[in-house]
Protein backbone atom coordinates (compact mmCIF):
# COMPACT_ATOMS: atom_id res chain seq x y z
CA MET A 1 -27.75 21.20 -43.25
CA THR A 2 -24.51 21.96 -45.36
CA ALA A 3 -21.74 19.66 -45.96
CA ALA A 4 -19.33 21.86 -44.05
CA VAL A 5 -21.43 21.85 -40.88
CA ALA A 6 -22.05 18.09 -41.26
CA ALA A 7 -18.19 17.47 -41.51
CA ARG A 8 -17.41 19.73 -38.53
CA GLY A 9 -19.74 17.54 -36.37
CA ILE A 10 -17.87 14.57 -37.38
CA TYR A 11 -14.48 16.18 -36.39
CA THR A 12 -15.84 17.23 -33.17
CA GLN A 13 -17.15 13.78 -32.32
CA ARG A 14 -13.67 12.33 -33.18
CA GLY A 15 -12.19 14.79 -30.82
CA ALA A 16 -14.53 13.78 -28.01
CA ASN A 17 -13.76 10.27 -28.57
CA ARG A 18 -10.11 10.77 -28.43
CA ARG A 19 -10.33 12.64 -25.12
CA LEU A 20 -12.43 9.96 -23.58
CA PHE A 21 -9.98 7.20 -24.79
CA GLY A 22 -7.06 9.36 -23.68
CA GLY A 23 -8.55 9.69 -20.11
CA ILE A 24 -9.35 5.85 -19.96
CA LEU A 25 -5.86 5.26 -21.00
CA ALA A 26 -4.41 7.60 -18.25
CA THR A 27 -6.67 6.07 -15.50
CA CYS A 28 -5.34 2.55 -16.59
CA ALA A 29 -1.81 3.67 -16.43
CA ILE A 30 -2.07 5.12 -12.95
CA VAL A 31 -3.75 2.05 -11.77
CA LEU A 32 -1.16 -0.08 -13.37
CA LEU A 33 1.58 1.93 -11.80
CA ALA A 34 0.08 1.98 -8.36
CA SER A 35 -0.22 -1.71 -8.53
CA LEU A 36 3.50 -2.08 -9.51
CA LEU A 37 4.53 -0.05 -6.61
CA ILE A 38 2.33 -2.01 -4.11
CA LEU A 39 3.82 -5.25 -5.47
CA ALA A 40 7.63 -3.78 -5.32
CA GLU A 41 6.87 -2.61 -1.69
CA ARG A 42 5.37 -6.24 -0.88
CA VAL A 43 8.29 -8.11 -2.32
CA TYR A 44 10.84 -5.94 -0.51
CA TYR A 45 8.95 -6.44 2.69
CA THR A 46 8.86 -10.02 2.53
CA GLY A 47 12.16 -10.96 0.83
CA ASN A 48 14.54 -8.27 2.13
CA MET A 49 16.32 -8.91 5.43
CA HIS A 50 16.81 -5.17 6.39
CA TYR A 51 13.78 -3.04 5.93
CA ALA A 52 14.39 0.74 5.71
CA ARG A 53 13.65 2.35 9.16
CA TRP A 54 12.16 5.51 7.57
CA LEU A 55 9.22 3.37 6.28
CA THR A 56 8.15 2.25 9.69
CA ASN A 57 5.67 4.18 12.02
CA GLY A 58 8.17 3.70 14.95
CA GLU A 59 9.53 1.16 17.45
CA LEU A 60 7.57 -0.84 20.07
CA ALA A 61 8.77 -1.25 23.71
CA ALA A 62 9.91 -4.59 24.79
CA GLY A 63 7.30 -6.85 26.06
CA THR A 64 4.66 -5.66 24.00
CA THR A 65 1.83 -8.10 23.88
CA TRP A 66 -0.61 -8.92 21.14
CA GLN A 67 -3.38 -7.62 23.15
CA ASP A 68 -1.48 -4.23 23.61
CA LEU A 69 -1.01 -4.09 19.90
CA MET A 70 -4.60 -4.72 19.06
CA ALA A 71 -5.85 -2.12 21.61
CA GLY A 72 -3.27 0.61 20.90
CA PRO A 73 -1.45 1.01 17.50
CA CYS A 74 -3.15 -1.79 15.57
CA LYS A 75 -6.70 -0.97 16.64
CA GLY A 76 -9.14 -1.93 13.78
CA ARG A 77 -6.30 -3.13 11.68
CA SER A 78 -5.92 -6.95 10.91
CA PRO A 79 -4.16 -9.31 10.07
CA LEU A 80 -0.99 -8.92 11.89
CA GLU A 81 2.28 -10.06 10.37
CA VAL A 82 5.57 -10.66 12.09
CA ASN A 83 8.77 -10.96 9.85
CA GLU A 84 12.25 -11.36 11.50
CA GLN A 85 15.10 -9.51 10.17
CA ALA A 86 18.74 -10.77 9.80
CA ASP A 87 19.66 -8.26 12.76
CA GLY A 88 17.26 -10.11 15.11
CA GLN A 89 14.60 -7.32 15.03
CA PHE A 90 11.10 -8.13 14.03
CA LEU A 91 8.92 -6.07 11.71
CA ILE A 92 5.23 -6.04 12.81
CA ARG A 93 2.69 -5.07 10.43
CA CYS A 94 -1.03 -4.08 11.36
CA GLY A 95 -2.97 -4.44 8.23
CA LEU A 96 -2.14 -5.97 4.59
CA LEU A 97 -0.90 -3.36 2.19
CA TRP A 98 1.53 -0.43 3.02
CA SER A 99 -0.96 2.22 2.26
CA ASN A 100 -3.57 1.30 4.70
CA SER A 101 -1.56 -0.44 7.34
CA LYS A 102 1.03 0.59 10.22
CA LEU A 103 4.70 -1.12 10.47
CA PHE A 104 6.69 -1.15 13.66
CA LEU A 105 9.90 -2.41 14.36
CA SER A 106 10.43 -4.28 17.76
CA THR A 107 13.50 -5.98 19.42
CA THR A 108 11.32 -8.77 20.89
CA PHE A 109 8.64 -11.03 19.44
CA PRO A 110 5.12 -9.78 20.82
CA GLU A 111 4.30 -12.12 23.69
CA GLU A 112 0.86 -13.73 24.48
CA GLY A 113 -0.78 -11.59 27.03
CA ARG A 114 -0.90 -12.92 30.50
CA LYS A 115 -3.86 -12.39 32.87
């Protein structure tokens, strides 16, 4: 093996290592960015008195019960969170994170179902 071929192999290996390191670094950056966005939404959800309507999945009818929520829009998603806004409306979230949950506005607090 000549010195030129051996040297070329070293540089090829360095390029592959740089690409691997660059891919790992890019993946870490994406995960960090996603985590920061989830944290920012969570702080906005719990700390803000006026949640943006366009981030919700709709409004619930007055008199909606917990059983109605679990049978309908919140099916398969738990826990349920209820936050009251400054204007008297309630934010009801089915699920824990914005990415895999549903969020509804309601003018009344969900009632216990009566049978």
